[in-house]
């Protein structure tokens, strides 16, 4: 803002470019993998990662991915025998709910400040 960049117009443009690149990557990956249920599973894995890391933080998304990966591996290894198979997949959503209660902006996300 101090050098004259209009932040209000810059952010939607960046999100639009990211959306176009994501759609292109998803279409190419679907063509390579043949589509099917696997593509939907990736979308279901990405949702908790982005929310836990923070919607406006790339480093938060990377940190969220590492946390979810470790949680699913530990959950599948240690908690599946006690709770039954598939607990590793559910653990990420339990962490998502806990994160939304504890810090809704995510780990590295900036909380929205409302001015009165």
C-alpha atoms as a PDB file:
ATOM      1  CA  UNK A   1       0.000   0.000   0.000  1.00  0.00           C
ATOM      2  CA  UNK A   2       2.868   2.367   0.720  1.00  0.00           C
ATOM      3  CA  UNK A   3       4.156   2.168  -2.880  1.00  0.00           C
ATOM      4  CA  UNK A   4       0.753   2.563  -4.500  1.00  0.00           C
ATOM      5  CA  UNK A   5      -0.418  -1.040  -4.948  1.00  0.00           C
ATOM      6  CA  UNK A   6      -4.176  -1.276  -4.505  1.00  0.00           C
ATOM      7  CA  UNK A   7      -4.573  -4.166  -2.089  1.00  0.00           C
ATOM      8  CA  UNK A   8      -8.349  -4.316  -2.485  1.00  0.00           C
ATOM      9  CA  UNK A   9      -7.970  -5.203  -6.175  1.00  0.00           C
ATOM     10  CA  UNK A  10      -4.791  -7.230  -5.826  1.00  0.00           C
ATOM     11  CA  UNK A  11      -6.154  -9.938  -3.526  1.00  0.00           C
ATOM     12  CA  UNK A  12      -9.111 -10.999  -5.744  1.00  0.00           C
ATOM     13  CA  UNK A  13      -6.800 -11.144  -8.765  1.00  0.00           C
ATOM     14  CA  UNK A  14      -4.376 -13.415  -6.899  1.00  0.00           C
ATOM     15  CA  UNK A  15      -7.241 -15.680  -5.791  1.00  0.00           C
ATOM     16  CA  UNK A  16      -8.566 -15.822  -9.366  1.00  0.00           C
ATOM     17  CA  UNK A  17      -5.147 -16.785 -10.732  1.00  0.00           C
ATOM     18  CA  UNK A  18      -4.772 -19.442  -8.027  1.00  0.00           C
ATOM     19  CA  UNK A  19      -8.234 -20.801  -8.876  1.00  0.00           C
ATOM     20  CA  UNK A  20      -7.441 -21.033 -12.592  1.00  0.00           C
ATOM     21  CA  UNK A  21      -4.146 -22.818 -11.910  1.00  0.00           C
ATOM     22  CA  UNK A  22      -5.870 -25.191  -9.468  1.00  0.00           C
ATOM     23  CA  UNK A  23      -8.597 -26.036 -11.962  1.00  0.00           C
ATOM     24  CA  UNK A  24      -6.023 -26.682 -14.685  1.00  0.00           C
ATOM     25  CA  UNK A  25      -3.989 -28.906 -12.351  1.00  0.00           C
ATOM     26  CA  UNK A  26      -7.115 -30.792 -11.279  1.00  0.00           C
ATOM     27  CA  UNK A  27      -8.226 -31.362 -14.859  1.00  0.00           C
ATOM     28  CA  UNK A  28      -4.783 -32.592 -15.899  1.00  0.00           C
ATOM     29  CA  UNK A  29      -4.542 -34.871 -12.877  1.00  0.00           C
ATOM     30  CA  UNK A  30      -8.004 -36.274 -13.559  1.00  0.00           C
ATOM     31  CA  UNK A  31      -7.007 -37.071 -17.137  1.00  0.00           C
ATOM     32  CA  UNK A  32      -3.842 -38.827 -15.968  1.00  0.00           C
ATOM     33  CA  UNK A  33      -5.392 -40.771 -13.090  1.00  0.00           C
ATOM     34  CA  UNK A  34      -8.581 -41.601 -14.941  1.00  0.00           C
ATOM     35  CA  UNK A  35     -10.915 -39.751 -12.612  1.00  0.00           C
ATOM     36  CA  UNK A  36     -13.037 -41.717 -10.224  1.00  0.00           C
ATOM     37  CA  UNK A  37     -13.355 -41.601  -6.470  1.00  0.00           C
ATOM     38  CA  UNK A  38      -9.652 -40.882  -5.841  1.00  0.00           C
ATOM     39  CA  UNK A  39     -10.014 -37.271  -6.966  1.00  0.00           C
ATOM     40  CA  UNK A  40     -12.812 -36.676  -4.458  1.00  0.00           C
ATOM     41  CA  UNK A  41     -10.679 -38.140  -1.675  1.00  0.00           C
ATOM     42  CA  UNK A  42      -7.937 -35.622  -2.406  1.00  0.00           C
ATOM     43  CA  UNK A  43     -10.462 -32.795  -2.109  1.00  0.00           C
ATOM     44  CA  UNK A  44     -11.642 -34.190   1.207  1.00  0.00           C
ATOM     45  CA  UNK A  45      -8.046 -34.313   2.459  1.00  0.00           C
ATOM     46  CA  UNK A  46      -7.246 -30.754   1.378  1.00  0.00           C
ATOM     47  CA  UNK A  47     -10.178 -29.121   3.185  1.00  0.00           C
ATOM     48  CA  UNK A  48      -8.945 -29.763   6.764  1.00  0.00           C
ATOM     49  CA  UNK A  49      -5.379 -28.898   5.748  1.00  0.00           C
ATOM     50  CA  UNK A  50      -6.304 -25.450   4.485  1.00  0.00           C
ATOM     51  CA  UNK A  51      -8.650 -24.642   7.360  1.00  0.00           C
ATOM     52  CA  UNK A  52      -6.168 -25.777  10.018  1.00  0.00           C
ATOM     53  CA  UNK A  53      -3.289 -23.890   8.417  1.00  0.00           C
ATOM     54  CA  UNK A  54      -5.251 -20.727   7.724  1.00  0.00           C
ATOM     55  CA  UNK A  55      -6.985 -19.594   4.558  1.00  0.00           C
ATOM     56  CA  UNK A  56      -4.649 -16.675   3.942  1.00  0.00           C
ATOM     57  CA  UNK A  57      -1.312 -18.346   4.727  1.00  0.00           C
ATOM     58  CA  UNK A  58       0.724 -20.521   2.381  1.00  0.00           C
ATOM     59  CA  UNK A  59       3.111 -21.492   5.170  1.00  0.00           C
ATOM     60  CA  UNK A  60       0.079 -22.341   7.283  1.00  0.00           C
ATOM     61  CA  UNK A  61      -1.181 -24.694   4.574  1.00  0.00           C
ATOM     62  CA  UNK A  62       2.216 -26.405   4.441  1.00  0.00           C
ATOM     63  CA  UNK A  63       2.294 -26.675   8.231  1.00  0.00           C
ATOM     64  CA  UNK A  64      -1.297 -27.949   8.243  1.00  0.00           C
ATOM     65  CA  UNK A  65      -0.395 -30.613   5.658  1.00  0.00           C
ATOM     66  CA  UNK A  66       2.491 -31.837   7.782  1.00  0.00           C
ATOM     67  CA  UNK A  67       0.328 -31.915  10.907  1.00  0.00           C
ATOM     68  CA  UNK A  68      -2.497 -33.782   9.154  1.00  0.00           C
ATOM     69  CA  UNK A  69      -0.057 -36.246   7.579  1.00  0.00           C
ATOM     70  CA  UNK A  70       1.556 -37.025  10.915  1.00  0.00           C
ATOM     71  CA  UNK A  71      -1.822 -37.217  12.660  1.00  0.00           C
ATOM     72  CA  UNK A  72      -3.250 -39.634  10.088  1.00  0.00           C
ATOM     73  CA  UNK A  73      -0.163 -41.846  10.220  1.00  0.00           C
ATOM     74  CA  UNK A  74      -0.120 -41.923  14.013  1.00  0.00           C
ATOM     75  CA  UNK A  75      -3.873 -42.397  14.153  1.00  0.00           C
ATOM     76  CA  UNK A  76      -3.737 -45.285  11.703  1.00  0.00           C
ATOM     77  CA  UNK A  77      -0.845 -46.908  13.524  1.00  0.00           C
ATOM     78  CA  UNK A  78      -1.838 -46.456  17.154  1.00  0.00           C
ATOM     79  CA  UNK A  79      -5.568 -45.787  17.258  1.00  0.00           C
ATOM     80  CA  UNK A  80      -6.918 -48.087  14.543  1.00  0.00           C
ATOM     81  CA  UNK A  81      -6.450 -51.246  16.667  1.00  0.00           C
ATOM     82  CA  UNK A  82      -8.413 -49.677  19.556  1.00  0.00           C
ATOM     83  CA  UNK A  83     -11.168 -47.855  17.653  1.00  0.00           C
ATOM     84  CA  UNK A  84     -11.375 -49.902  14.463  1.00  0.00           C
ATOM     85  CA  UNK A  85     -10.092 -49.298  10.973  1.00  0.00           C
ATOM     86  CA  UNK A  86     -10.306 -45.889   9.365  1.00  0.00           C
ATOM     87  CA  UNK A  87      -9.729 -43.756  12.443  1.00  0.00           C
ATOM     88  CA  UNK A  88      -6.747 -42.104  10.751  1.00  0.00           C
ATOM     89  CA  UNK A  89      -9.095 -40.547   8.207  1.00  0.00           C
ATOM     90  CA  UNK A  90     -11.519 -39.315  10.860  1.00  0.00           C
ATOM     91  CA  UNK A  91      -8.765 -37.866  13.061  1.00  0.00           C
ATOM     92  CA  UNK A  92      -8.133 -34.983  10.653  1.00  0.00           C
ATOM     93  CA  UNK A  93     -11.771 -33.901  10.868  1.00  0.00           C
ATOM     94  CA  UNK A  94     -11.744 -34.133  14.660  1.00  0.00           C
ATOM     95  CA  UNK A  95      -8.688 -31.874  14.652  1.00  0.00           C
ATOM     96  CA  UNK A  96     -10.523 -29.571  12.226  1.00  0.00           C
ATOM     97  CA  UNK A  97     -13.449 -29.204  14.628  1.00  0.00           C
ATOM     98  CA  UNK A  98     -11.087 -28.587  17.556  1.00  0.00           C
ATOM     99  CA  UNK A  99      -9.206 -25.958  15.541  1.00  0.00           C
ATOM    100  CA  UNK A 100     -12.418 -24.160  14.568  1.00  0.00           C
ATOM    101  CA  UNK A 101     -13.396 -23.976  18.230  1.00  0.00           C
ATOM    102  CA  UNK A 102      -9.940 -22.976  19.474  1.00  0.00           C
ATOM    103  CA  UNK A 103      -8.684 -20.653  16.705  1.00  0.00           C
ATOM    104  CA  UNK A 104     -11.088 -20.113  13.792  1.00  0.00           C
ATOM    105  CA  UNK A 105      -8.522 -18.223  11.675  1.00  0.00           C
ATOM    106  CA  UNK A 106      -6.179 -21.235  11.597  1.00  0.00           C
ATOM    107  CA  UNK A 107      -2.659 -21.691  12.920  1.00  0.00           C
ATOM    108  CA  UNK A 108      -0.982 -18.975  10.869  1.00  0.00           C
ATOM    109  CA  UNK A 109      -4.066 -17.179   9.597  1.00  0.00           C
ATOM    110  CA  UNK A 110      -4.801 -13.605  10.552  1.00  0.00           C
ATOM    111  CA  UNK A 111      -8.005 -13.113  12.516  1.00  0.00           C
ATOM    112  CA  UNK A 112     -10.425 -10.642  10.943  1.00  0.00           C
ATOM    113  CA  UNK A 113     -10.518  -7.401  12.876  1.00  0.00           C
ATOM    114  CA  UNK A 114     -13.859  -5.605  12.811  1.00  0.00           C
ATOM    115  CA  UNK A 115     -13.815  -1.869  13.336  1.00  0.00           C
ATOM    116  CA  UNK A 116     -16.700  -0.253  15.130  1.00  0.00           C
END
